[in-house]
């Protein structure tokens, strides 16, 4: 017998496993900067992305490439995969209105990391 909501949890876990297998750049965010170590890495999205860009410089390009694929998806799929892939609740943690949707969140991630690559192009995989 399953409890209410367990199907949604299993779906989230399956999506998370797929994300971590296919989208390695996003995997780093899920288990690092925007995941379990959120308080250690920064107090907001910009600080966490800056930390990511310092610690995982060779992975910056793949982090941009992964969300670009996701941004081609419909909003419902994008929201579901975002919720499963990262532990960070960008709607609760950031200033109200900064990232009202998963699409706004990933656009901010791509913009910030692309700027980091342009400003500090060394060590790109």
PDB file of N, CA and C in Angstrom:
ATOM      1  N   UNK A   1       0.838  -1.185   0.000  1.00  0.00           N
ATOM      2  CA  UNK A   1       0.000   0.000   0.000  1.00  0.00           C
ATOM      3  C   UNK A   1       0.879   1.243   0.000  1.00  0.00           C
ATOM      4  N   UNK A   2       0.569   2.170  -0.850  1.00  0.00           N
ATOM      5  CA  UNK A   2       1.345   3.405  -0.914  1.00  0.00           C
ATOM      6  C   UNK A   2       0.608   4.513  -0.193  1.00  0.00           C
ATOM      7  N   UNK A   3       1.372   5.445   0.304  1.00  0.00           N
ATOM      8  CA  UNK A   3       0.761   6.589   0.973  1.00  0.00           C
ATOM      9  C   UNK A   3       0.512   7.687  -0.036  1.00  0.00           C
ATOM     10  N   UNK A   4      -0.356   8.590   0.318  1.00  0.00           N
ATOM     11  CA  UNK A   4      -0.665   9.715  -0.577  1.00  0.00           C
ATOM     12  C   UNK A   4       0.598  10.511  -0.850  1.00  0.00           C
ATOM     13  N   UNK A   5       0.813  10.818  -2.110  1.00  0.00           N
ATOM     14  CA  UNK A   5       1.969  11.622  -2.471  1.00  0.00           C
ATOM     15  C   UNK A   5       3.216  10.816  -2.773  1.00  0.00           C
ATOM     16  N   UNK A   6       3.228   9.514  -2.473  1.00  0.00           N
ATOM     17  CA  UNK A   6       4.438   8.738  -2.701  1.00  0.00           C
ATOM     18  C   UNK A   6       4.742   8.594  -4.181  1.00  0.00           C
ATOM     19  N   UNK A   7       3.710   8.584  -5.029  1.00  0.00           N
ATOM     20  CA  UNK A   7       3.932   8.521  -6.473  1.00  0.00           C
ATOM     21  C   UNK A   7       4.683   9.734  -6.968  1.00  0.00           C
ATOM     22  N   UNK A   8       4.316  10.905  -6.454  1.00  0.00           N
ATOM     23  CA  UNK A   8       5.000  12.139  -6.836  1.00  0.00           C
ATOM     24  C   UNK A   8       6.458  12.098  -6.379  1.00  0.00           C
ATOM     25  N   UNK A   9       6.694  11.552  -5.171  1.00  0.00           N
ATOM     26  CA  UNK A   9       8.062  11.448  -4.663  1.00  0.00           C
ATOM     27  C   UNK A   9       8.891  10.532  -5.549  1.00  0.00           C
ATOM     28  N   UNK A  10       8.327   9.374  -5.929  1.00  0.00           N
ATOM     29  CA  UNK A  10       9.056   8.442  -6.782  1.00  0.00           C
ATOM     30  C   UNK A  10       9.357   9.073  -8.135  1.00  0.00           C
ATOM     31  N   UNK A  11       8.399   9.821  -8.680  1.00  0.00           N
ATOM     32  CA  UNK A  11       8.632  10.503  -9.946  1.00  0.00           C
ATOM     33  C   UNK A  11       9.774  11.510  -9.796  1.00  0.00           C
ATOM     34  N   UNK A  12       9.781  12.258  -8.694  1.00  0.00           N
ATOM     35  CA  UNK A  12      10.836  13.238  -8.448  1.00  0.00           C
ATOM     36  C   UNK A  12      12.201  12.534  -8.387  1.00  0.00           C
ATOM     37  N   UNK A  13      12.252  11.389  -7.688  1.00  0.00           N
ATOM     38  CA  UNK A  13      13.507  10.654  -7.564  1.00  0.00           C
ATOM     39  C   UNK A  13      13.976  10.124  -8.917  1.00  0.00           C
ATOM     40  N   UNK A  14      13.050   9.640  -9.737  1.00  0.00           N
ATOM     41  CA  UNK A  14      13.415   9.155 -11.069  1.00  0.00           C
ATOM     42  C   UNK A  14      13.953  10.290 -11.927  1.00  0.00           C
ATOM     43  N   UNK A  15      13.304  11.446 -11.861  1.00  0.00           N
ATOM     44  CA  UNK A  15      13.776  12.600 -12.622  1.00  0.00           C
ATOM     45  C   UNK A  15      15.159  13.011 -12.130  1.00  0.00           C
ATOM     46  N   UNK A  16      15.336  13.075 -10.812  1.00  0.00           N
ATOM     47  CA  UNK A  16      16.625  13.473 -10.252  1.00  0.00           C
ATOM     48  C   UNK A  16      17.728  12.528 -10.729  1.00  0.00           C
ATOM     49  N   UNK A  17      17.454  11.225 -10.726  1.00  0.00           N
ATOM     50  CA  UNK A  17      18.443  10.255 -11.193  1.00  0.00           C
ATOM     51  C   UNK A  17      18.790  10.496 -12.659  1.00  0.00           C
ATOM     52  N   UNK A  18      17.789  10.791 -13.485  1.00  0.00           N
ATOM     53  CA  UNK A  18      18.037  11.068 -14.905  1.00  0.00           C
ATOM     54  C   UNK A  18      18.870  12.337 -15.066  1.00  0.00           C
ATOM     55  N   UNK A  19      18.515  13.357 -14.304  1.00  0.00           N
ATOM     56  CA  UNK A  19      19.257  14.617 -14.383  1.00  0.00           C
ATOM     57  C   UNK A  19      20.717  14.369 -14.057  1.00  0.00           C
ATOM     58  N   UNK A  20      20.969  13.672 -12.967  1.00  0.00           N
ATOM     59  CA  UNK A  20      22.340  13.467 -12.522  1.00  0.00           C
ATOM     60  C   UNK A  20      23.122  12.586 -13.488  1.00  0.00           C
ATOM     61  N   UNK A  21      22.435  11.693 -14.212  1.00  0.00           N
ATOM     62  CA  UNK A  21      23.106  10.858 -15.206  1.00  0.00           C
ATOM     63  C   UNK A  21      23.394  11.625 -16.494  1.00  0.00           C
ATOM     64  N   UNK A  22      22.453  12.443 -16.955  1.00  0.00           N
ATOM     65  CA  UNK A  22      22.545  13.082 -18.269  1.00  0.00           C
ATOM     66  C   UNK A  22      23.140  14.480 -18.201  1.00  0.00           C
ATOM     67  N   UNK A  23      22.737  15.275 -17.200  1.00  0.00           N
ATOM     68  CA  UNK A  23      23.105  16.691 -17.146  1.00  0.00           C
ATOM     69  C   UNK A  23      24.088  16.932 -16.007  1.00  0.00           C
ATOM     70  N   UNK A  24      25.357  16.643 -16.269  1.00  0.00           N
ATOM     71  CA  UNK A  24      26.360  16.715 -15.206  1.00  0.00           C
ATOM     72  C   UNK A  24      26.549  18.127 -14.651  1.00  0.00           C
ATOM     73  N   UNK A  25      26.388  19.137 -15.474  1.00  0.00           N
ATOM     74  CA  UNK A  25      26.535  20.502 -14.980  1.00  0.00           C
ATOM     75  C   UNK A  25      25.481  20.837 -13.943  1.00  0.00           C
ATOM     76  N   UNK A  26      24.261  20.405 -14.188  1.00  0.00           N
ATOM     77  CA  UNK A  26      23.174  20.642 -13.239  1.00  0.00           C
ATOM     78  C   UNK A  26      23.354  19.783 -11.995  1.00  0.00           C
ATOM     79  N   UNK A  27      23.946  18.624 -12.163  1.00  0.00           N
ATOM     80  CA  UNK A  27      24.230  17.753 -11.016  1.00  0.00           C
ATOM     81  C   UNK A  27      25.048  18.510  -9.976  1.00  0.00           C
ATOM     82  N   UNK A  28      26.045  19.277 -10.416  1.00  0.00           N
ATOM     83  CA  UNK A  28      26.861  20.038  -9.453  1.00  0.00           C
ATOM     84  C   UNK A  28      25.998  21.001  -8.646  1.00  0.00           C
ATOM     85  N   UNK A  29      25.035  21.638  -9.291  1.00  0.00           N
ATOM     86  CA  UNK A  29      24.168  22.556  -8.549  1.00  0.00           C
ATOM     87  C   UNK A  29      23.280  21.798  -7.575  1.00  0.00           C
ATOM     88  N   UNK A  30      22.838  20.620  -7.966  1.00  0.00           N
ATOM     89  CA  UNK A  30      21.940  19.848  -7.103  1.00  0.00           C
ATOM     90  C   UNK A  30      22.596  19.364  -5.836  1.00  0.00           C
ATOM     91  N   UNK A  31      23.882  19.020  -5.913  1.00  0.00           N
ATOM     92  CA  UNK A  31      24.543  18.481  -4.732  1.00  0.00           C
ATOM     93  C   UNK A  31      25.524  19.456  -4.109  1.00  0.00           C
ATOM     94  N   UNK A  32      25.675  20.619  -4.704  1.00  0.00           N
ATOM     95  CA  UNK A  32      26.657  21.566  -4.184  1.00  0.00           C
ATOM     96  C   UNK A  32      26.067  22.916  -3.909  1.00  0.00           C
ATOM     97  N   UNK A  33      26.360  23.847  -4.776  1.00  0.00           N
ATOM     98  CA  UNK A  33      26.051  25.249  -4.522  1.00  0.00           C
ATOM     99  C   UNK A  33      24.600  25.513  -4.151  1.00  0.00           C
ATOM    100  N   UNK A  34      23.657  24.953  -4.894  1.00  0.00           N
ATOM    101  CA  UNK A  34      22.250  25.231  -4.628  1.00  0.00           C
ATOM    102  C   UNK A  34      21.575  24.082  -3.900  1.00  0.00           C
ATOM    103  N   UNK A  35      22.339  23.100  -3.473  1.00  0.00           N
ATOM    104  CA  UNK A  35      21.768  21.942  -2.799  1.00  0.00           C
ATOM    105  C   UNK A  35      22.084  21.950  -1.321  1.00  0.00           C
ATOM    106  N   UNK A  36      22.677  20.869  -0.854  1.00  0.00           N
ATOM    107  CA  UNK A  36      22.910  20.670   0.567  1.00  0.00           C
ATOM    108  C   UNK A  36      23.810  21.739   1.180  1.00  0.00           C
ATOM    109  N   UNK A  37      24.735  22.265   0.416  1.00  0.00           N
ATOM    110  CA  UNK A  37      25.710  23.209   0.951  1.00  0.00           C
ATOM    111  C   UNK A  37      25.308  24.661   0.754  1.00  0.00           C
ATOM    112  N   UNK A  38      24.030  24.905   0.564  1.00  0.00           N
ATOM    113  CA  UNK A  38      23.557  26.259   0.253  1.00  0.00           C
ATOM    114  C   UNK A  38      24.106  27.298   1.222  1.00  0.00           C
ATOM    115  N   UNK A  39      23.996  27.059   2.520  1.00  0.00           N
ATOM    116  CA  UNK A  39      24.431  28.056   3.500  1.00  0.00           C
ATOM    117  C   UNK A  39      25.942  28.265   3.472  1.00  0.00           C
ATOM    118  N   UNK A  40      26.672  27.228   3.103  1.00  0.00           N
ATOM    119  CA  UNK A  40      28.124  27.326   3.073  1.00  0.00           C
ATOM    120  C   UNK A  40      28.586  28.107   1.848  1.00  0.00           C
ATOM    121  N   UNK A  41      27.897  27.896   0.723  1.00  0.00           N
ATOM    122  CA  UNK A  41      28.349  28.445  -0.553  1.00  0.00           C
ATOM    123  C   UNK A  41      27.905  29.883  -0.803  1.00  0.00           C
ATOM    124  N   UNK A  42      26.816  30.314  -0.213  1.00  0.00           N
ATOM    125  CA  UNK A  42      26.365  31.678  -0.451  1.00  0.00           C
ATOM    126  C   UNK A  42      24.989  31.918   0.122  1.00  0.00           C
ATOM    127  N   UNK A  43      24.584  33.161   0.166  1.00  0.00           N
ATOM    128  CA  UNK A  43      23.297  33.522   0.737  1.00  0.00           C
ATOM    129  C   UNK A  43      22.216  33.767  -0.299  1.00  0.00           C
ATOM    130  N   UNK A  44      22.590  33.793  -1.581  1.00  0.00           N
ATOM    131  CA  UNK A  44      21.599  33.997  -2.635  1.00  0.00           C
ATOM    132  C   UNK A  44      22.124  33.381  -3.925  1.00  0.00           C
ATOM    133  N   UNK A  45      21.327  33.435  -4.966  1.00  0.00           N
ATOM    134  CA  UNK A  45      21.685  32.794  -6.225  1.00  0.00           C
ATOM    135  C   UNK A  45      23.007  33.313  -6.774  1.00  0.00           C
ATOM    136  N   UNK A  46      23.205  34.620  -6.783  1.00  0.00           N
ATOM    137  CA  UNK A  46      24.423  35.196  -7.355  1.00  0.00           C
ATOM    138  C   UNK A  46      25.657  34.731  -6.585  1.00  0.00           C
ATOM    139  N   UNK A  47      25.599  34.731  -5.267  1.00  0.00           N
ATOM    140  CA  UNK A  47      26.744  34.279  -4.475  1.00  0.00           C
ATOM    141  C   UNK A  47      27.034  32.804  -4.721  1.00  0.00           C
ATOM    142  N   UNK A  48      25.982  31.990  -4.835  1.00  0.00           N
ATOM    143  CA  UNK A  48      26.184  30.568  -5.074  1.00  0.00           C
ATOM    144  C   UNK A  48      26.753  30.308  -6.460  1.00  0.00           C
ATOM    145  N   UNK A  49      26.288  31.054  -7.457  1.00  0.00           N
ATOM    146  CA  UNK A  49      26.834  30.878  -8.799  1.00  0.00           C
ATOM    147  C   UNK A  49      28.284  31.357  -8.867  1.00  0.00           C
ATOM    148  N   UNK A  50      28.601  32.420  -8.159  1.00  0.00           N
ATOM    149  CA  UNK A  50      29.992  32.879  -8.107  1.00  0.00           C
ATOM    150  C   UNK A  50      30.871  31.795  -7.488  1.00  0.00           C
ATOM    151  N   UNK A  51      30.372  31.168  -6.433  1.00  0.00           N
ATOM    152  CA  UNK A  51      31.103  30.086  -5.796  1.00  0.00           C
ATOM    153  C   UNK A  51      31.273  28.907  -6.752  1.00  0.00           C
ATOM    154  N   UNK A  52      30.199  28.579  -7.469  1.00  0.00           N
ATOM    155  CA  UNK A  52      30.278  27.503  -8.455  1.00  0.00           C
ATOM    156  C   UNK A  52      31.347  27.815  -9.496  1.00  0.00           C
ATOM    157  N   UNK A  53      31.353  29.028 -10.003  1.00  0.00           N
ATOM    158  CA  UNK A  53      32.294  29.410 -11.052  1.00  0.00           C
ATOM    159  C   UNK A  53      33.735  29.384 -10.553  1.00  0.00           C
ATOM    160  N   UNK A  54      33.948  29.619  -9.271  1.00  0.00           N
ATOM    161  CA  UNK A  54      35.295  29.523  -8.698  1.00  0.00           C
ATOM    162  C   UNK A  54      35.715  28.069  -8.511  1.00  0.00           C
ATOM    163  N   UNK A  55      34.804  27.239  -7.999  1.00  0.00           N
ATOM    164  CA  UNK A  55      35.145  25.859  -7.655  1.00  0.00           C
ATOM    165  C   UNK A  55      35.101  24.895  -8.830  1.00  0.00           C
ATOM    166  N   UNK A  56      34.218  25.149  -9.780  1.00  0.00           N
ATOM    167  CA  UNK A  56      34.021  24.194 -10.887  1.00  0.00           C
ATOM    168  C   UNK A  56      34.255  24.880 -12.229  1.00  0.00           C
ATOM    169  N   UNK A  57      35.338  25.628 -12.335  1.00  0.00           N
ATOM    170  CA  UNK A  57      35.572  26.413 -13.557  1.00  0.00           C
ATOM    171  C   UNK A  57      35.537  25.577 -14.833  1.00  0.00           C
ATOM    172  N   UNK A  58      36.107  24.382 -14.875  1.00  0.00           N
ATOM    173  CA  UNK A  58      36.039  23.612 -16.127  1.00  0.00           C
ATOM    174  C   UNK A  58      34.614  23.215 -16.511  1.00  0.00           C
ATOM    175  N   UNK A  59      33.696  23.224 -15.563  1.00  0.00           N
ATOM    176  CA  UNK A  59      32.327  22.786 -15.831  1.00  0.00           C
ATOM    177  C   UNK A  59      31.378  23.926 -16.177  1.00  0.00           C
ATOM    178  N   UNK A  60      31.886  25.131 -16.264  1.00  0.00           N
ATOM    179  CA  UNK A  60      30.996  26.268 -16.524  1.00  0.00           C
ATOM    180  C   UNK A  60      30.269  26.134 -17.856  1.00  0.00           C
ATOM    181  N   UNK A  61      30.973  25.717 -18.896  1.00  0.00           N
ATOM    182  CA  UNK A  61      30.331  25.621 -20.208  1.00  0.00           C
ATOM    183  C   UNK A  61      29.228  24.575 -20.197  1.00  0.00           C
ATOM    184  N   UNK A  62      29.470  23.444 -19.566  1.00  0.00           N
ATOM    185  CA  UNK A  62      28.435  22.410 -19.537  1.00  0.00           C
ATOM    186  C   UNK A  62      27.239  22.879 -18.711  1.00  0.00           C
ATOM    187  N   UNK A  63      27.483  23.685 -17.682  1.00  0.00           N
ATOM    188  CA  UNK A  63      26.359  24.216 -16.911  1.00  0.00           C
ATOM    189  C   UNK A  63      25.507  25.147 -17.766  1.00  0.00           C
ATOM    190  N   UNK A  64      26.100  25.876 -18.676  1.00  0.00           N
ATOM    191  CA  UNK A  64      25.332  26.720 -19.594  1.00  0.00           C
ATOM    192  C   UNK A  64      24.608  25.860 -20.632  1.00  0.00           C
ATOM    193  N   UNK A  65      25.293  24.861 -21.156  1.00  0.00           N
ATOM    194  CA  UNK A  65      24.698  24.019 -22.197  1.00  0.00           C
ATOM    195  C   UNK A  65      23.483  23.251 -21.689  1.00  0.00           C
ATOM    196  N   UNK A  66      23.555  22.731 -20.464  1.00  0.00           N
ATOM    197  CA  UNK A  66      22.440  21.956 -19.916  1.00  0.00           C
ATOM    198  C   UNK A  66      21.148  22.757 -19.809  1.00  0.00           C
ATOM    199  N   UNK A  67      21.144  23.920 -19.156  1.00  0.00           N
ATOM    200  CA  UNK A  67      19.901  24.684 -19.077  1.00  0.00           C
ATOM    201  C   UNK A  67      19.393  25.172 -20.435  1.00  0.00           C
ATOM    202  N   UNK A  68      20.303  25.391 -21.380  1.00  0.00           N
ATOM    203  CA  UNK A  68      19.841  25.802 -22.714  1.00  0.00           C
ATOM    204  C   UNK A  68      18.922  24.728 -23.310  1.00  0.00           C
ATOM    205  N   UNK A  69      19.235  23.482 -23.075  1.00  0.00           N
ATOM    206  CA  UNK A  69      18.359  22.391 -23.518  1.00  0.00           C
ATOM    207  C   UNK A  69      17.043  22.469 -22.752  1.00  0.00           C
ATOM    208  N   UNK A  70      17.134  22.614 -21.445  1.00  0.00           N
ATOM    209  CA  UNK A  70      15.929  22.667 -20.621  1.00  0.00           C
ATOM    210  C   UNK A  70      15.025  23.827 -21.023  1.00  0.00           C
ATOM    211  N   UNK A  71      15.620  24.954 -21.391  1.00  0.00           N
ATOM    212  CA  UNK A  71      14.829  26.136 -21.723  1.00  0.00           C
ATOM    213  C   UNK A  71      14.016  25.969 -23.006  1.00  0.00           C
ATOM    214  N   UNK A  72      14.277  24.918 -23.764  1.00  0.00           N
ATOM    215  CA  UNK A  72      13.461  24.631 -24.954  1.00  0.00           C
ATOM    216  C   UNK A  72      12.198  23.865 -24.579  1.00  0.00           C
ATOM    217  N   UNK A  73      12.124  23.380 -23.350  1.00  0.00           N
ATOM    218  CA  UNK A  73      10.973  22.591 -22.905  1.00  0.00           C
ATOM    219  C   UNK A  73       9.802  23.490 -22.527  1.00  0.00           C
ATOM    220  N   UNK A  74       8.609  22.881 -22.413  1.00  0.00           N
ATOM    221  CA  UNK A  74       7.443  23.628 -21.938  1.00  0.00           C
ATOM    222  C   UNK A  74       7.601  23.931 -20.446  1.00  0.00           C
ATOM    223  N   UNK A  75       6.841  24.899 -19.957  1.00  0.00           N
ATOM    224  CA  UNK A  75       6.988  25.377 -18.579  1.00  0.00           C
ATOM    225  C   UNK A  75       6.705  24.298 -17.536  1.00  0.00           C
ATOM    226  N   UNK A  76       5.713  23.450 -17.784  1.00  0.00           N
ATOM    227  CA  UNK A  76       5.359  22.410 -16.805  1.00  0.00           C
ATOM    228  C   UNK A  76       6.512  21.426 -16.636  1.00  0.00           C
ATOM    229  N   UNK A  77       7.081  20.966 -17.733  1.00  0.00           N
ATOM    230  CA  UNK A  77       8.210  20.030 -17.670  1.00  0.00           C
ATOM    231  C   UNK A  77       9.417  20.692 -17.018  1.00  0.00           C
ATOM    232  N   UNK A  78       9.677  21.927 -17.390  1.00  0.00           N
ATOM    233  CA  UNK A  78      10.810  22.655 -16.819  1.00  0.00           C
ATOM    234  C   UNK A  78      10.661  22.810 -15.314  1.00  0.00           C
ATOM    235  N   UNK A  79       9.483  23.167 -14.853  1.00  0.00           N
ATOM    236  CA  UNK A  79       9.237  23.302 -13.404  1.00  0.00           C
ATOM    237  C   UNK A  79       9.446  21.958 -12.697  1.00  0.00           C
ATOM    238  N   UNK A  80       8.919  20.881 -13.266  1.00  0.00           N
ATOM    239  CA  UNK A  80       9.007  19.560 -12.630  1.00  0.00           C
ATOM    240  C   UNK A  80      10.465  19.102 -12.537  1.00  0.00           C
ATOM    241  N   UNK A  81      11.218  19.258 -13.614  1.00  0.00           N
ATOM    242  CA  UNK A  81      12.616  18.825 -13.604  1.00  0.00           C
ATOM    243  C   UNK A  81      13.458  19.706 -12.686  1.00  0.00           C
ATOM    244  N   UNK A  82      13.170  20.985 -12.642  1.00  0.00           N
ATOM    245  CA  UNK A  82      13.913  21.884 -11.759  1.00  0.00           C
ATOM    246  C   UNK A  82      13.685  21.495 -10.299  1.00  0.00           C
ATOM    247  N   UNK A  83      12.449  21.256  -9.950  1.00  0.00           N
ATOM    248  CA  UNK A  83      12.122  20.893  -8.565  1.00  0.00           C
ATOM    249  C   UNK A  83      12.795  19.591  -8.160  1.00  0.00           C
ATOM    250  N   UNK A  84      12.880  18.635  -9.093  1.00  0.00           N
ATOM    251  CA  UNK A  84      13.503  17.354  -8.782  1.00  0.00           C
ATOM    252  C   UNK A  84      15.027  17.446  -8.746  1.00  0.00           C
ATOM    253  N   UNK A  85      15.583  18.317  -9.591  1.00  0.00           N
ATOM    254  CA  UNK A  85      17.036  18.331  -9.783  1.00  0.00           C
ATOM    255  C   UNK A  85      17.790  19.085  -8.708  1.00  0.00           C
ATOM    256  N   UNK A  86      17.199  20.138  -8.167  1.00  0.00           N
ATOM    257  CA  UNK A  86      17.913  20.920  -7.157  1.00  0.00           C
ATOM    258  C   UNK A  86      17.065  21.015  -5.894  1.00  0.00           C
ATOM    259  N   UNK A  87      17.746  21.063  -4.767  1.00  0.00           N
ATOM    260  CA  UNK A  87      17.059  21.114  -3.484  1.00  0.00           C
ATOM    261  C   UNK A  87      16.649  22.528  -3.111  1.00  0.00           C
ATOM    262  N   UNK A  88      17.189  23.473  -3.831  1.00  0.00           N
ATOM    263  CA  UNK A  88      17.012  24.890  -3.518  1.00  0.00           C
ATOM    264  C   UNK A  88      15.662  25.397  -4.003  1.00  0.00           C
ATOM    265  N   UNK A  89      14.926  26.040  -3.130  1.00  0.00           N
ATOM    266  CA  UNK A  89      13.641  26.628  -3.505  1.00  0.00           C
ATOM    267  C   UNK A  89      13.869  28.100  -3.837  1.00  0.00           C
ATOM    268  N   UNK A  90      14.100  28.379  -5.123  1.00  0.00           N
ATOM    269  CA  UNK A  90      14.469  29.736  -5.523  1.00  0.00           C
ATOM    270  C   UNK A  90      13.345  30.725  -5.296  1.00  0.00           C
ATOM    271  N   UNK A  91      12.105  30.278  -5.204  1.00  0.00           N
ATOM    272  CA  UNK A  91      10.990  31.199  -4.947  1.00  0.00           C
ATOM    273  C   UNK A  91      10.965  31.651  -3.494  1.00  0.00           C
ATOM    274  N   UNK A  92      11.396  30.789  -2.599  1.00  0.00           N
ATOM    275  CA  UNK A  92      11.374  31.123  -1.181  1.00  0.00           C
ATOM    276  C   UNK A  92      12.653  31.836  -0.744  1.00  0.00           C
ATOM    277  N   UNK A  93      13.784  31.421  -1.283  1.00  0.00           N
ATOM    278  CA  UNK A  93      15.072  31.893  -0.798  1.00  0.00           C
ATOM    279  C   UNK A  93      15.484  33.257  -1.331  1.00  0.00           C
ATOM    280  N   UNK A  94      15.067  33.587  -2.534  1.00  0.00           N
ATOM    281  CA  UNK A  94      15.510  34.837  -3.143  1.00  0.00           C
ATOM    282  C   UNK A  94      14.547  35.972  -2.807  1.00  0.00           C
ATOM    283  N   UNK A  95      14.942  37.173  -3.158  1.00  0.00           N
ATOM    284  CA  UNK A  95      14.055  38.318  -2.988  1.00  0.00           C
ATOM    285  C   UNK A  95      12.754  38.053  -3.739  1.00  0.00           C
ATOM    286  N   UNK A  96      11.623  38.410  -3.172  1.00  0.00           N
ATOM    287  CA  UNK A  96      10.350  38.147  -3.843  1.00  0.00           C
ATOM    288  C   UNK A  96      10.328  38.712  -5.261  1.00  0.00           C
ATOM    289  N   UNK A  97       9.917  37.898  -6.185  1.00  0.00           N
ATOM    290  CA  UNK A  97       9.772  38.345  -7.557  1.00  0.00           C
ATOM    291  C   UNK A  97      11.008  38.208  -8.428  1.00  0.00           C
ATOM    292  N   UNK A  98      12.175  37.893  -7.844  1.00  0.00           N
ATOM    293  CA  UNK A  98      13.386  37.765  -8.658  1.00  0.00           C
ATOM    294  C   UNK A  98      13.272  36.645  -9.681  1.00  0.00           C
ATOM    295  N   UNK A  99      12.773  35.508  -9.254  1.00  0.00           N
ATOM    296  CA  UNK A  99      12.678  34.329 -10.113  1.00  0.00           C
ATOM    297  C   UNK A  99      11.298  33.703  -9.931  1.00  0.00           C
ATOM    298  N   UNK A 100      10.277  34.280 -10.535  1.00  0.00           N
ATOM    299  CA  UNK A 100       8.918  33.777 -10.316  1.00  0.00           C
ATOM    300  C   UNK A 100       8.654  32.424 -10.972  1.00  0.00           C
ATOM    301  N   UNK A 101       9.510  32.033 -11.913  1.00  0.00           N
ATOM    302  CA  UNK A 101       9.335  30.752 -12.603  1.00  0.00           C
ATOM    303  C   UNK A 101      10.681  30.058 -12.721  1.00  0.00           C
ATOM    304  N   UNK A 102      10.620  28.774 -13.019  1.00  0.00           N
ATOM    305  CA  UNK A 102      11.855  28.028 -13.274  1.00  0.00           C
ATOM    306  C   UNK A 102      12.574  28.598 -14.492  1.00  0.00           C
ATOM    307  N   UNK A 103      11.823  29.041 -15.483  1.00  0.00           N
ATOM    308  CA  UNK A 103      12.427  29.621 -16.690  1.00  0.00           C
ATOM    309  C   UNK A 103      13.240  30.871 -16.332  1.00  0.00           C
ATOM    310  N   UNK A 104      12.687  31.741 -15.493  1.00  0.00           N
ATOM    311  CA  UNK A 104      13.416  32.942 -15.068  1.00  0.00           C
ATOM    312  C   UNK A 104      14.669  32.559 -14.295  1.00  0.00           C
ATOM    313  N   UNK A 105      14.555  31.541 -13.463  1.00  0.00           N
ATOM    314  CA  UNK A 105      15.696  31.060 -12.687  1.00  0.00           C
ATOM    315  C   UNK A 105      16.815  30.587 -13.602  1.00  0.00           C
ATOM    316  N   UNK A 106      16.487  29.705 -14.571  1.00  0.00           N
ATOM    317  CA  UNK A 106      17.528  29.149 -15.439  1.00  0.00           C
ATOM    318  C   UNK A 106      18.100  30.210 -16.378  1.00  0.00           C
ATOM    319  N   UNK A 107      17.292  31.159 -16.805  1.00  0.00           N
ATOM    320  CA  UNK A 107      17.825  32.253 -17.613  1.00  0.00           C
ATOM    321  C   UNK A 107      18.853  33.061 -16.816  1.00  0.00           C
ATOM    322  N   UNK A 108      18.579  33.259 -15.532  1.00  0.00           N
ATOM    323  CA  UNK A 108      19.535  33.970 -14.674  1.00  0.00           C
ATOM    324  C   UNK A 108      20.821  33.168 -14.513  1.00  0.00           C
ATOM    325  N   UNK A 109      20.688  31.860 -14.340  1.00  0.00           N
ATOM    326  CA  UNK A 109      21.871  30.995 -14.221  1.00  0.00           C
ATOM    327  C   UNK A 109      22.719  31.095 -15.483  1.00  0.00           C
ATOM    328  N   UNK A 110      22.095  30.925 -16.641  1.00  0.00           N
ATOM    329  CA  UNK A 110      22.822  30.975 -17.921  1.00  0.00           C
ATOM    330  C   UNK A 110      23.502  32.330 -18.102  1.00  0.00           C
ATOM    331  N   UNK A 111      22.780  33.404 -17.835  1.00  0.00           N
ATOM    332  CA  UNK A 111      23.332  34.748 -18.007  1.00  0.00           C
ATOM    333  C   UNK A 111      24.551  34.959 -17.118  1.00  0.00           C
ATOM    334  N   UNK A 112      24.447  34.575 -15.862  1.00  0.00           N
ATOM    335  CA  UNK A 112      25.548  34.785 -14.925  1.00  0.00           C
ATOM    336  C   UNK A 112      26.771  33.965 -15.318  1.00  0.00           C
ATOM    337  N   UNK A 113      26.557  32.690 -15.626  1.00  0.00           N
ATOM    338  CA  UNK A 113      27.689  31.818 -15.936  1.00  0.00           C
ATOM    339  C   UNK A 113      28.328  32.220 -17.263  1.00  0.00           C
ATOM    340  N   UNK A 114      27.530  32.606 -18.261  1.00  0.00           N
ATOM    341  CA  UNK A 114      28.104  33.089 -19.526  1.00  0.00           C
ATOM    342  C   UNK A 114      28.977  34.323 -19.295  1.00  0.00           C
ATOM    343  N   UNK A 115      28.516  35.218 -18.443  1.00  0.00           N
ATOM    344  CA  UNK A 115      29.310  36.408 -18.116  1.00  0.00           C
ATOM    345  C   UNK A 115      30.630  35.998 -17.452  1.00  0.00           C
ATOM    346  N   UNK A 116      30.570  35.022 -16.572  1.00  0.00           N
ATOM    347  CA  UNK A 116      31.777  34.525 -15.915  1.00  0.00           C
ATOM    348  C   UNK A 116      32.759  33.951 -16.937  1.00  0.00           C
ATOM    349  N   UNK A 117      32.240  33.222 -17.913  1.00  0.00           N
ATOM    350  CA  UNK A 117      33.103  32.642 -18.949  1.00  0.00           C
ATOM    351  C   UNK A 117      33.757  33.743 -19.780  1.00  0.00           C
ATOM    352  N   UNK A 118      32.979  34.782 -20.117  1.00  0.00           N
ATOM    353  CA  UNK A 118      33.536  35.892 -20.907  1.00  0.00           C
ATOM    354  C   UNK A 118      34.605  36.650 -20.119  1.00  0.00           C
ATOM    355  N   UNK A 119      34.351  36.900 -18.852  1.00  0.00           N
ATOM    356  CA  UNK A 119      35.278  37.689 -18.046  1.00  0.00           C
ATOM    357  C   UNK A 119      36.521  36.902 -17.647  1.00  0.00           C
ATOM    358  N   UNK A 120      36.363  35.605 -17.433  1.00  0.00           N
ATOM    359  CA  UNK A 120      37.476  34.750 -16.996  1.00  0.00           C
ATOM    360  C   UNK A 120      37.479  33.497 -17.848  1.00  0.00           C
ATOM    361  N   UNK A 121      37.937  33.595 -19.103  1.00  0.00           N
ATOM    362  CA  UNK A 121      37.797  32.482 -20.041  1.00  0.00           C
ATOM    363  C   UNK A 121      38.759  31.308 -19.794  1.00  0.00           C
ATOM    364  N   UNK A 122      39.752  31.481 -18.952  1.00  0.00           N
ATOM    365  CA  UNK A 122      40.704  30.391 -18.731  1.00  0.00           C
ATOM    366  C   UNK A 122      40.023  29.209 -18.044  1.00  0.00           C
ATOM    367  N   UNK A 123      40.605  28.052 -18.264  1.00  0.00           N
ATOM    368  CA  UNK A 123      40.140  26.815 -17.623  1.00  0.00           C
ATOM    369  C   UNK A 123      38.748  26.392 -18.043  1.00  0.00           C
ATOM    370  N   UNK A 124      38.386  26.598 -19.288  1.00  0.00           N
ATOM    371  CA  UNK A 124      37.106  26.112 -19.782  1.00  0.00           C
ATOM    372  C   UNK A 124      37.324  24.774 -20.453  1.00  0.00           C
ATOM    373  N   UNK A 125      36.523  23.798 -20.062  1.00  0.00           N
ATOM    374  CA  UNK A 125      36.651  22.444 -20.646  1.00  0.00           C
ATOM    375  C   UNK A 125      36.175  22.443 -22.073  1.00  0.00           C
TER     376      UNK A 125
END
